[in-house]
Amino acid sequence: MTVEMFQDEMAQALKAFEKYVVCLDKTPDQCAASLKSLLEKAIKAYENRGPNLRHGIALDRQVTIILSQTENERPLCGIYFNLHTPYQKKPAAQKEKTETGS
């Protein structure tokens, strides 16, 4: 199994990234490199999974890739963009620490 087997999925993800995703951490070229690297890691995880496991997963802060076992030899490939907002509220415990200066 190789990264090239999933070129269609990567192309669709890159098209969505360029059109819809606002990301200050990665350019489209960096996203393409990340997708390739993560897909290599997901393939390795998939090929080395335990006997009762059906998935190989790799992720970073912006992207999650999941390879899922099917009845065919080629697994399904899901590429997900992890949503994040810089405007997220701080959890109450963390907010208390910053207010008390701890």
PDB file of N, CA and C in Angstrom:
ATOM      1  N   MET A   1       0.853  -1.164   0.000  1.00  0.00           N
ATOM      2  CA  MET A   1       0.000   0.000   0.000  1.00  0.00           C
ATOM      3  C   MET A   1       0.905   1.235   0.000  1.00  0.00           C
ATOM      4  N   THR A   2       0.545   2.209  -0.842  1.00  0.00           N
ATOM      5  CA  THR A   2       1.360   3.414  -0.957  1.00  0.00           C
ATOM      6  C   THR A   2       0.492   4.665  -0.901  1.00  0.00           C
ATOM      7  N   VAL A   3       1.136   5.790  -0.692  1.00  0.00           N
ATOM      8  CA  VAL A   3       0.450   7.081  -0.680  1.00  0.00           C
ATOM      9  C   VAL A   3      -0.222   7.332  -2.033  1.00  0.00           C
ATOM     10  N   GLU A   4       0.414   6.910  -3.105  1.00  0.00           N
ATOM     11  CA  GLU A   4      -0.114   7.145  -4.450  1.00  0.00           C
ATOM     12  C   GLU A   4      -1.491   6.508  -4.653  1.00  0.00           C
ATOM     13  N   MET A   5      -1.809   5.459  -3.908  1.00  0.00           N
ATOM     14  CA  MET A   5      -3.127   4.826  -4.009  1.00  0.00           C
ATOM     15  C   MET A   5      -4.247   5.778  -3.599  1.00  0.00           C
ATOM     16  N   PHE A   6      -3.907   6.805  -2.831  1.00  0.00           N
ATOM     17  CA  PHE A   6      -4.914   7.711  -2.288  1.00  0.00           C
ATOM     18  C   PHE A   6      -4.773   9.129  -2.859  1.00  0.00           C
ATOM     19  N   GLN A   7      -4.257   9.241  -4.090  1.00  0.00           N
ATOM     20  CA  GLN A   7      -4.069  10.549  -4.728  1.00  0.00           C
ATOM     21  C   GLN A   7      -5.393  11.293  -4.904  1.00  0.00           C
ATOM     22  N   ASP A   8      -6.473  10.590  -5.256  1.00  0.00           N
ATOM     23  CA  ASP A   8      -7.768  11.253  -5.438  1.00  0.00           C
ATOM     24  C   ASP A   8      -8.247  11.891  -4.144  1.00  0.00           C
ATOM     25  N   GLU A   9      -8.141  11.160  -3.040  1.00  0.00           N
ATOM     26  CA  GLU A   9      -8.563  11.688  -1.751  1.00  0.00           C
ATOM     27  C   GLU A   9      -7.719  12.900  -1.351  1.00  0.00           C
ATOM     28  N   MET A  10      -6.416  12.814  -1.589  1.00  0.00           N
ATOM     29  CA  MET A  10      -5.539  13.942  -1.256  1.00  0.00           C
ATOM     30  C   MET A  10      -5.871  15.162  -2.119  1.00  0.00           C
ATOM     31  N   ALA A  11      -6.139  14.953  -3.397  1.00  0.00           N
ATOM     32  CA  ALA A  11      -6.479  16.063  -4.291  1.00  0.00           C
ATOM     33  C   ALA A  11      -7.772  16.740  -3.854  1.00  0.00           C
ATOM     34  N   GLN A  12      -8.772  15.947  -3.467  1.00  0.00           N
ATOM     35  CA  GLN A  12     -10.036  16.517  -2.999  1.00  0.00           C
ATOM     36  C   GLN A  12      -9.836  17.298  -1.706  1.00  0.00           C
ATOM     37  N   ALA A  13      -9.018  16.768  -0.804  1.00  0.00           N
ATOM     38  CA  ALA A  13      -8.760  17.461   0.460  1.00  0.00           C
ATOM     39  C   ALA A  13      -8.020  18.772   0.214  1.00  0.00           C
ATOM     40  N   LEU A  14      -7.040  18.766  -0.672  1.00  0.00           N
ATOM     41  CA  LEU A  14      -6.300  19.996  -0.972  1.00  0.00           C
ATOM     42  C   LEU A  14      -7.198  21.037  -1.633  1.00  0.00           C
ATOM     43  N   LYS A  15      -8.103  20.593  -2.484  1.00  0.00           N
ATOM     44  CA  LYS A  15      -9.048  21.515  -3.117  1.00  0.00           C
ATOM     45  C   LYS A  15      -9.938  22.162  -2.055  1.00  0.00           C
ATOM     46  N   ALA A  16     -10.426  21.358  -1.112  1.00  0.00           N
ATOM     47  CA  ALA A  16     -11.249  21.895  -0.024  1.00  0.00           C
ATOM     48  C   ALA A  16     -10.431  22.831   0.857  1.00  0.00           C
ATOM     49  N   PHE A  17      -9.174  22.467   1.136  1.00  0.00           N
ATOM     50  CA  PHE A  17      -8.307  23.306   1.965  1.00  0.00           C
ATOM     51  C   PHE A  17      -8.138  24.677   1.326  1.00  0.00           C
ATOM     52  N   GLU A  18      -7.822  24.708   0.042  1.00  0.00           N
ATOM     53  CA  GLU A  18      -7.583  25.976  -0.642  1.00  0.00           C
ATOM     54  C   GLU A  18      -8.844  26.823  -0.740  1.00  0.00           C
ATOM     55  N   LYS A  19     -10.007  26.182  -0.805  1.00  0.00           N
ATOM     56  CA  LYS A  19     -11.253  26.925  -0.992  1.00  0.00           C
ATOM     57  C   LYS A  19     -11.916  27.335   0.321  1.00  0.00           C
ATOM     58  N   TYR A  20     -11.857  26.470   1.344  1.00  0.00           N
ATOM     59  CA  TYR A  20     -12.667  26.693   2.539  1.00  0.00           C
ATOM     60  C   TYR A  20     -11.898  26.901   3.837  1.00  0.00           C
ATOM     61  N   VAL A  21     -10.686  26.398   3.940  1.00  0.00           N
ATOM     62  CA  VAL A  21      -9.999  26.393   5.227  1.00  0.00           C
ATOM     63  C   VAL A  21      -9.115  27.621   5.367  1.00  0.00           C
ATOM     64  N   VAL A  22      -9.310  28.344   6.456  1.00  0.00           N
ATOM     65  CA  VAL A  22      -8.437  29.457   6.795  1.00  0.00           C
ATOM     66  C   VAL A  22      -7.465  28.921   7.828  1.00  0.00           C
ATOM     67  N   CYS A  23      -6.209  28.884   7.477  1.00  0.00           N
ATOM     68  CA  CYS A  23      -5.201  28.289   8.351  1.00  0.00           C
ATOM     69  C   CYS A  23      -3.972  29.178   8.358  1.00  0.00           C
ATOM     70  N   LEU A  24      -3.639  29.703   9.512  1.00  0.00           N
ATOM     71  CA  LEU A  24      -2.480  30.577   9.608  1.00  0.00           C
ATOM     72  C   LEU A  24      -1.188  29.801   9.775  1.00  0.00           C
ATOM     73  N   ASP A  25      -1.286  28.509  10.065  1.00  0.00           N
ATOM     74  CA  ASP A  25      -0.097  27.697  10.320  1.00  0.00           C
ATOM     75  C   ASP A  25       0.483  27.055   9.065  1.00  0.00           C
ATOM     76  N   LYS A  26      -0.323  26.875   8.006  1.00  0.00           N
ATOM     77  CA  LYS A  26       0.148  26.136   6.834  1.00  0.00           C
ATOM     78  C   LYS A  26      -0.283  26.811   5.539  1.00  0.00           C
ATOM     79  N   THR A  27       0.632  26.847   4.596  1.00  0.00           N
ATOM     80  CA  THR A  27       0.293  27.247   3.234  1.00  0.00           C
ATOM     81  C   THR A  27      -0.271  26.018   2.521  1.00  0.00           C
ATOM     82  N   PRO A  28      -0.878  26.186   1.346  1.00  0.00           N
ATOM     83  CA  PRO A  28      -1.348  25.005   0.611  1.00  0.00           C
ATOM     84  C   PRO A  28      -0.229  23.997   0.330  1.00  0.00           C
ATOM     85  N   ASP A  29       0.982  24.473   0.026  1.00  0.00           N
ATOM     86  CA  ASP A  29       2.103  23.549  -0.207  1.00  0.00           C
ATOM     87  C   ASP A  29       2.470  22.789   1.065  1.00  0.00           C
ATOM     88  N   GLN A  30       2.456  23.478   2.200  1.00  0.00           N
ATOM     89  CA  GLN A  30       2.748  22.812   3.473  1.00  0.00           C
ATOM     90  C   GLN A  30       1.645  21.819   3.815  1.00  0.00           C
ATOM     91  N   CYS A  31       0.404  22.154   3.478  1.00  0.00           N
ATOM     92  CA  CYS A  31      -0.712  21.230   3.716  1.00  0.00           C
ATOM     93  C   CYS A  31      -0.527  19.967   2.882  1.00  0.00           C
ATOM     94  N   ALA A  32      -0.120  20.120   1.625  1.00  0.00           N
ATOM     95  CA  ALA A  32       0.111  18.953   0.765  1.00  0.00           C
ATOM     96  C   ALA A  32       1.200  18.064   1.347  1.00  0.00           C
ATOM     97  N   ALA A  33       2.273  18.671   1.835  1.00  0.00           N
ATOM     98  CA  ALA A  33       3.360  17.893   2.445  1.00  0.00           C
ATOM     99  C   ALA A  33       2.875  17.193   3.708  1.00  0.00           C
ATOM    100  N   SER A  34       2.054  17.885   4.507  1.00  0.00           N
ATOM    101  CA  SER A  34       1.502  17.282   5.723  1.00  0.00           C
ATOM    102  C   SER A  34       0.601  16.104   5.391  1.00  0.00           C
ATOM    103  N   LEU A  35      -0.242  16.269   4.362  1.00  0.00           N
ATOM    104  CA  LEU A  35      -1.134  15.176   3.970  1.00  0.00           C
ATOM    105  C   LEU A  35      -0.333  13.944   3.572  1.00  0.00           C
ATOM    106  N   LYS A  36       0.720  14.143   2.795  1.00  0.00           N
ATOM    107  CA  LYS A  36       1.543  13.008   2.372  1.00  0.00           C
ATOM    108  C   LYS A  36       2.191  12.336   3.573  1.00  0.00           C
ATOM    109  N   SER A  37       2.764  13.132   4.470  1.00  0.00           N
ATOM    110  CA  SER A  37       3.424  12.586   5.656  1.00  0.00           C
ATOM    111  C   SER A  37       2.432  11.853   6.559  1.00  0.00           C
ATOM    112  N   LEU A  38       1.272  12.470   6.789  1.00  0.00           N
ATOM    113  CA  LEU A  38       0.262  11.836   7.639  1.00  0.00           C
ATOM    114  C   LEU A  38      -0.286  10.567   6.999  1.00  0.00           C
ATOM    115  N   LEU A  39      -0.447  10.576   5.685  1.00  0.00           N
ATOM    116  CA  LEU A  39      -0.939   9.377   5.011  1.00  0.00           C
ATOM    117  C   LEU A  39       0.067   8.241   5.132  1.00  0.00           C
ATOM    118  N   GLU A  40       1.350   8.556   5.031  1.00  0.00           N
ATOM    119  CA  GLU A  40       2.385   7.533   5.237  1.00  0.00           C
ATOM    120  C   GLU A  40       2.291   6.950   6.648  1.00  0.00           C
ATOM    121  N   LYS A  41       2.073   7.812   7.642  1.00  0.00           N
ATOM    122  CA  LYS A  41       1.946   7.348   9.031  1.00  0.00           C
ATOM    123  C   LYS A  41       0.676   6.521   9.218  1.00  0.00           C
ATOM    124  N   ALA A  42      -0.428   6.950   8.591  1.00  0.00           N
ATOM    125  CA  ALA A  42      -1.683   6.201   8.702  1.00  0.00           C
ATOM    126  C   ALA A  42      -1.551   4.824   8.048  1.00  0.00           C
ATOM    127  N   ILE A  43      -0.861   4.757   6.922  1.00  0.00           N
ATOM    128  CA  ILE A  43      -0.629   3.467   6.255  1.00  0.00           C
ATOM    129  C   ILE A  43       0.184   2.555   7.161  1.00  0.00           C
ATOM    130  N   LYS A  44       1.230   3.092   7.763  1.00  0.00           N
ATOM    131  CA  LYS A  44       2.059   2.292   8.674  1.00  0.00           C
ATOM    132  C   LYS A  44       1.226   1.793   9.863  1.00  0.00           C
ATOM    133  N   ALA A  45       0.404   2.687  10.440  1.00  0.00           N
ATOM    134  CA  ALA A  45      -0.454   2.289  11.561  1.00  0.00           C
ATOM    135  C   ALA A  45      -1.465   1.235  11.116  1.00  0.00           C
ATOM    136  N   TYR A  46      -2.021   1.396   9.921  1.00  0.00           N
ATOM    137  CA  TYR A  46      -3.001   0.443   9.393  1.00  0.00           C
ATOM    138  C   TYR A  46      -2.365  -0.927   9.171  1.00  0.00           C
ATOM    139  N   GLU A  47      -1.192  -0.938   8.571  1.00  0.00           N
ATOM    140  CA  GLU A  47      -0.522  -2.206   8.273  1.00  0.00           C
ATOM    141  C   GLU A  47      -0.014  -2.911   9.527  1.00  0.00           C
ATOM    142  N   ASN A  48       0.222  -2.170  10.604  1.00  0.00           N
ATOM    143  CA  ASN A  48       0.737  -2.760  11.845  1.00  0.00           C
ATOM    144  C   ASN A  48      -0.318  -2.824  12.949  1.00  0.00           C
ATOM    145  N   ARG A  49      -1.596  -2.669  12.588  1.00  0.00           N
ATOM    146  CA  ARG A  49      -2.664  -2.670  13.598  1.00  0.00           C
ATOM    147  C   ARG A  49      -2.828  -4.067  14.189  1.00  0.00           C
ATOM    148  N   GLY A  50      -3.448  -4.119  15.351  1.00  0.00           N
ATOM    149  CA  GLY A  50      -3.701  -5.387  16.014  1.00  0.00           C
ATOM    150  C   GLY A  50      -4.733  -6.212  15.266  1.00  0.00           C
ATOM    151  N   PRO A  51      -4.872  -7.493  15.633  1.00  0.00           N
ATOM    152  CA  PRO A  51      -5.758  -8.403  14.900  1.00  0.00           C
ATOM    153  C   PRO A  51      -7.235  -8.010  14.938  1.00  0.00           C
ATOM    154  N   ASN A  52      -7.700  -7.352  15.972  1.00  0.00           N
ATOM    155  CA  ASN A  52      -9.115  -6.993  16.066  1.00  0.00           C
ATOM    156  C   ASN A  52      -9.368  -5.521  15.764  1.00  0.00           C
ATOM    157  N   LEU A  53      -8.371  -4.812  15.283  1.00  0.00           N
ATOM    158  CA  LEU A  53      -8.519  -3.390  14.984  1.00  0.00           C
ATOM    159  C   LEU A  53      -8.762  -3.198  13.492  1.00  0.00           C
ATOM    160  N   ARG A  54      -9.542  -2.155  13.154  1.00  0.00           N
ATOM    161  CA  ARG A  54      -9.949  -1.946  11.763  1.00  0.00           C
ATOM    162  C   ARG A  54      -9.433  -0.643  11.165  1.00  0.00           C
ATOM    163  N   HIS A  55      -8.669   0.152  11.931  1.00  0.00           N
ATOM    164  CA  HIS A  55      -8.299   1.483  11.461  1.00  0.00           C
ATOM    165  C   HIS A  55      -6.810   1.764  11.632  1.00  0.00           C
ATOM    166  N   GLY A  56      -6.318   2.654  10.803  1.00  0.00           N
ATOM    167  CA  GLY A  56      -4.999   3.254  10.963  1.00  0.00           C
ATOM    168  C   GLY A  56      -5.217   4.753  10.993  1.00  0.00           C
ATOM    169  N   ILE A  57      -4.718   5.422  12.013  1.00  0.00           N
ATOM    170  CA  ILE A  57      -4.997   6.846  12.206  1.00  0.00           C
ATOM    171  C   ILE A  57      -3.692   7.611  12.357  1.00  0.00           C
ATOM    172  N   ALA A  58      -3.655   8.799  11.749  1.00  0.00           N
ATOM    173  CA  ALA A  58      -2.539   9.727  11.935  1.00  0.00           C
ATOM    174  C   ALA A  58      -3.136  11.132  11.972  1.00  0.00           C
ATOM    175  N   LEU A  59      -2.569  11.993  12.811  1.00  0.00           N
ATOM    176  CA  LEU A  59      -3.125  13.337  12.924  1.00  0.00           C
ATOM    177  C   LEU A  59      -2.079  14.343  13.366  1.00  0.00           C
ATOM    178  N   ASP A  60      -2.389  15.599  13.080  1.00  0.00           N
ATOM    179  CA  ASP A  60      -1.649  16.715  13.649  1.00  0.00           C
ATOM    180  C   ASP A  60      -2.696  17.715  14.127  1.00  0.00           C
ATOM    181  N   ARG A  61      -2.304  18.932  14.411  1.00  0.00           N
ATOM    182  CA  ARG A  61      -3.273  19.893  14.951  1.00  0.00           C
ATOM    183  C   ARG A  61      -4.360  20.265  13.951  1.00  0.00           C
ATOM    184  N   GLN A  62      -4.056  20.206  12.656  1.00  0.00           N
ATOM    185  CA  GLN A  62      -5.018  20.657  11.658  1.00  0.00           C
ATOM    186  C   GLN A  62      -5.729  19.540  10.896  1.00  0.00           C
ATOM    187  N   VAL A  63      -5.130  18.366  10.790  1.00  0.00           N
ATOM    188  CA  VAL A  63      -5.666  17.307   9.922  1.00  0.00           C
ATOM    189  C   VAL A  63      -5.658  15.960  10.640  1.00  0.00           C
ATOM    190  N   THR A  64      -6.707  15.169  10.396  1.00  0.00           N
ATOM    191  CA  THR A  64      -6.766  13.776  10.846  1.00  0.00           C
ATOM    192  C   THR A  64      -7.010  12.903   9.622  1.00  0.00           C
ATOM    193  N   ILE A  65      -6.220  11.842   9.481  1.00  0.00           N
ATOM    194  CA  ILE A  65      -6.413  10.878   8.394  1.00  0.00           C
ATOM    195  C   ILE A  65      -6.711   9.520   9.015  1.00  0.00           C
ATOM    196  N   ILE A  66      -7.802   8.901   8.538  1.00  0.00           N
ATOM    197  CA  ILE A  66      -8.211   7.592   9.034  1.00  0.00           C
ATOM    198  C   ILE A  66      -8.334   6.638   7.849  1.00  0.00           C
ATOM    199  N   LEU A  67      -7.625   5.525   7.917  1.00  0.00           N
ATOM    200  CA  LEU A  67      -7.790   4.439   6.949  1.00  0.00           C
ATOM    201  C   LEU A  67      -8.626   3.365   7.628  1.00  0.00           C
ATOM    202  N   SER A  68      -9.727   2.975   6.990  1.00  0.00           N
ATOM    203  CA  SER A  68     -10.660   2.017   7.583  1.00  0.00           C
ATOM    204  C   SER A  68     -10.763   0.765   6.732  1.00  0.00           C
ATOM    205  N   GLN A  69     -10.646  -0.375   7.381  1.00  0.00           N
ATOM    206  CA  GLN A  69     -10.736  -1.670   6.713  1.00  0.00           C
ATOM    207  C   GLN A  69     -12.111  -1.852   6.088  1.00  0.00           C
ATOM    208  N   THR A  70     -12.128  -2.413   4.884  1.00  0.00           N
ATOM    209  CA  THR A  70     -13.376  -2.737   4.191  1.00  0.00           C
ATOM    210  C   THR A  70     -13.314  -4.202   3.766  1.00  0.00           C
ATOM    211  N   GLU A  71     -14.313  -4.634   3.034  1.00  0.00           N
ATOM    212  CA  GLU A  71     -14.317  -5.999   2.506  1.00  0.00           C
ATOM    213  C   GLU A  71     -13.335  -6.137   1.344  1.00  0.00           C
ATOM    214  N   ASN A  72     -12.944  -5.016   0.744  1.00  0.00           N
ATOM    215  CA  ASN A  72     -11.972  -5.014  -0.350  1.00  0.00           C
ATOM    216  C   ASN A  72     -10.564  -4.899   0.211  1.00  0.00           C
ATOM    217  N   GLU A  73      -9.578  -5.067  -0.661  1.00  0.00           N
ATOM    218  CA  GLU A  73      -8.185  -4.952  -0.222  1.00  0.00           C
ATOM    219  C   GLU A  73      -7.824  -3.504   0.111  1.00  0.00           C
ATOM    220  N   ARG A  74      -8.382  -2.549  -0.650  1.00  0.00           N
ATOM    221  CA  ARG A  74      -8.075  -1.136  -0.453  1.00  0.00           C
ATOM    222  C   ARG A  74      -8.965  -0.563   0.650  1.00  0.00           C
ATOM    223  N   PRO A  75      -8.369   0.017   1.696  1.00  0.00           N
ATOM    224  CA  PRO A  75      -9.180   0.605   2.765  1.00  0.00           C
ATOM    225  C   PRO A  75      -9.791   1.936   2.334  1.00  0.00           C
ATOM    226  N   LEU A  76     -10.838   2.342   3.040  1.00  0.00           N
ATOM    227  CA  LEU A  76     -11.395   3.678   2.841  1.00  0.00           C
ATOM    228  C   LEU A  76     -10.438   4.683   3.454  1.00  0.00           C
ATOM    229  N   CYS A  77     -10.362   5.862   2.862  1.00  0.00           N
ATOM    230  CA  CYS A  77      -9.477   6.913   3.357  1.00  0.00           C
ATOM    231  C   CYS A  77     -10.317   8.139   3.670  1.00  0.00           C
ATOM    232  N   GLY A  78     -10.339   8.543   4.938  1.00  0.00           N
ATOM    233  CA  GLY A  78     -11.035   9.752   5.346  1.00  0.00           C
ATOM    234  C   GLY A  78     -10.026  10.804   5.763  1.00  0.00           C
ATOM    235  N   ILE A  79     -10.157  12.001   5.193  1.00  0.00           N
ATOM    236  CA  ILE A  79      -9.274  13.115   5.541  1.00  0.00           C
ATOM    237  C   ILE A  79     -10.157  14.204   6.128  1.00  0.00           C
ATOM    238  N   TYR A  80      -9.880  14.580   7.364  1.00  0.00           N
ATOM    239  CA  TYR A  80     -10.711  15.527   8.099  1.00  0.00           C
ATOM    240  C   TYR A  80      -9.876  16.721   8.537  1.00  0.00           C
ATOM    241  N   PHE A  81     -10.437  17.908   8.368  1.00  0.00           N
ATOM    242  CA  PHE A  81      -9.787  19.107   8.875  1.00  0.00           C
ATOM    243  C   PHE A  81     -10.333  19.370  10.270  1.00  0.00           C
ATOM    244  N   ASN A  82      -9.431  19.471  11.240  1.00  0.00           N
ATOM    245  CA  ASN A  82      -9.817  19.697  12.623  1.00  0.00           C
ATOM    246  C   ASN A  82     -10.169  21.171  12.799  1.00  0.00           C
ATOM    247  N   LEU A  83     -11.379  21.430  13.238  1.00  0.00           N
ATOM    248  CA  LEU A  83     -11.816  22.808  13.406  1.00  0.00           C
ATOM    249  C   LEU A  83     -11.259  23.383  14.700  1.00  0.00           C
ATOM    250  N   HIS A  84     -10.842  24.631  14.624  1.00  0.00           N
ATOM    251  CA  HIS A  84     -10.276  25.314  15.782  1.00  0.00           C
ATOM    252  C   HIS A  84     -10.590  26.794  15.634  1.00  0.00           C
ATOM    253  N   THR A  85     -10.835  27.432  16.724  1.00  0.00           N
ATOM    254  CA  THR A  85     -11.045  28.868  16.703  1.00  0.00           C
ATOM    255  C   THR A  85     -10.164  29.528  17.747  1.00  0.00           C
ATOM    256  N   PRO A  86      -9.557  30.645  17.416  1.00  0.00           N
ATOM    257  CA  PRO A  86      -8.761  31.361  18.418  1.00  0.00           C
ATOM    258  C   PRO A  86      -9.647  32.064  19.438  1.00  0.00           C
ATOM    259  N   TYR A  87     -10.951  32.072  19.190  1.00  0.00           N
ATOM    260  CA  TYR A  87     -11.883  32.761  20.080  1.00  0.00           C
ATOM    261  C   TYR A  87     -12.531  31.830  21.089  1.00  0.00           C
ATOM    262  N   GLN A  88     -12.022  30.628  21.214  1.00  0.00           N
ATOM    263  CA  GLN A  88     -12.567  29.649  22.144  1.00  0.00           C
ATOM    264  C   GLN A  88     -12.416  30.155  23.574  1.00  0.00           C
ATOM    265  N   LYS A  89     -13.462  29.955  24.381  1.00  0.00           N
ATOM    266  CA  LYS A  89     -13.401  30.365  25.785  1.00  0.00           C
ATOM    267  C   LYS A  89     -12.443  29.471  26.545  1.00  0.00           C
ATOM    268  N   LYS A  90     -11.746  30.048  27.514  1.00  0.00           N
ATOM    269  CA  LYS A  90     -10.851  29.270  28.361  1.00  0.00           C
ATOM    270  C   LYS A  90     -11.682  28.451  29.340  1.00  0.00           C
ATOM    271  N   PRO A  91     -11.260  27.211  29.645  1.00  0.00           N
ATOM    272  CA  PRO A  91     -11.948  26.432  30.675  1.00  0.00           C
ATOM    273  C   PRO A  91     -11.888  27.175  32.011  1.00  0.00           C
ATOM    274  N   ALA A  92     -12.879  26.961  32.861  1.00  0.00           N
ATOM    275  CA  ALA A  92     -12.983  27.681  34.133  1.00  0.00           C
ATOM    276  C   ALA A  92     -11.724  27.532  34.984  1.00  0.00           C
ATOM    277  N   ALA A  93     -11.157  26.332  35.089  1.00  0.00           N
ATOM    278  CA  ALA A  93      -9.965  26.112  35.914  1.00  0.00           C
ATOM    279  C   ALA A  93      -8.782  26.907  35.373  1.00  0.00           C
ATOM    280  N   GLN A  94      -8.613  26.949  34.082  1.00  0.00           N
ATOM    281  CA  GLN A  94      -7.503  27.689  33.485  1.00  0.00           C
ATOM    282  C   GLN A  94      -7.725  29.188  33.655  1.00  0.00           C
ATOM    283  N   LYS A  95      -8.966  29.635  33.541  1.00  0.00           N
ATOM    284  CA  LYS A  95      -9.287  31.046  33.693  1.00  0.00           C
ATOM    285  C   LYS A  95      -8.967  31.517  35.107  1.00  0.00           C
ATOM    286  N   GLU A  96      -9.294  30.686  36.115  1.00  0.00           N
ATOM    287  CA  GLU A  96      -9.005  31.039  37.504  1.00  0.00           C
ATOM    288  C   GLU A  96      -7.509  31.169  37.733  1.00  0.00           C
ATOM    289  N   LYS A  97      -6.703  30.271  37.151  1.00  0.00           N
ATOM    290  CA  LYS A  97      -5.253  30.325  37.311  1.00  0.00           C
ATOM    291  C   LYS A  97      -4.684  31.614  36.742  1.00  0.00           C
ATOM    292  N   THR A  98      -5.162  32.017  35.571  1.00  0.00           N
ATOM    293  CA  THR A  98      -4.613  33.220  34.955  1.00  0.00           C
ATOM    294  C   THR A  98      -5.052  34.468  35.708  1.00  0.00           C
ATOM    295  N   GLU A  99      -6.225  34.449  36.303  1.00  0.00           N
ATOM    296  CA  GLU A  99      -6.696  35.610  37.057  1.00  0.00           C
ATOM    297  C   GLU A  99      -5.977  35.748  38.393  1.00  0.00           C
ATOM    298  N   THR A 100      -5.584  34.630  39.016  1.00  0.00           N
ATOM    299  CA  THR A 100      -4.903  34.689  40.311  1.00  0.00           C
ATOM    300  C   THR A 100      -3.400  34.826  40.149  1.00  0.00           C
ATOM    301  N   GLY A 101      -2.919  34.711  38.901  1.00  0.00           N
ATOM    302  CA  GLY A 101      -1.489  34.861  38.655  1.00  0.00           C
ATOM    303  C   GLY A 101      -0.682  33.615  38.906  1.00  0.00           C
ATOM    304  N   SER A 102      -1.305  32.459  39.045  1.00  0.00           N
ATOM    305  CA  SER A 102      -0.589  31.200  39.280  1.00  0.00           C
ATOM    306  C   SER A 102      -0.057  30.623  38.014  1.00  0.00           C
TER     307      SER A 102
END
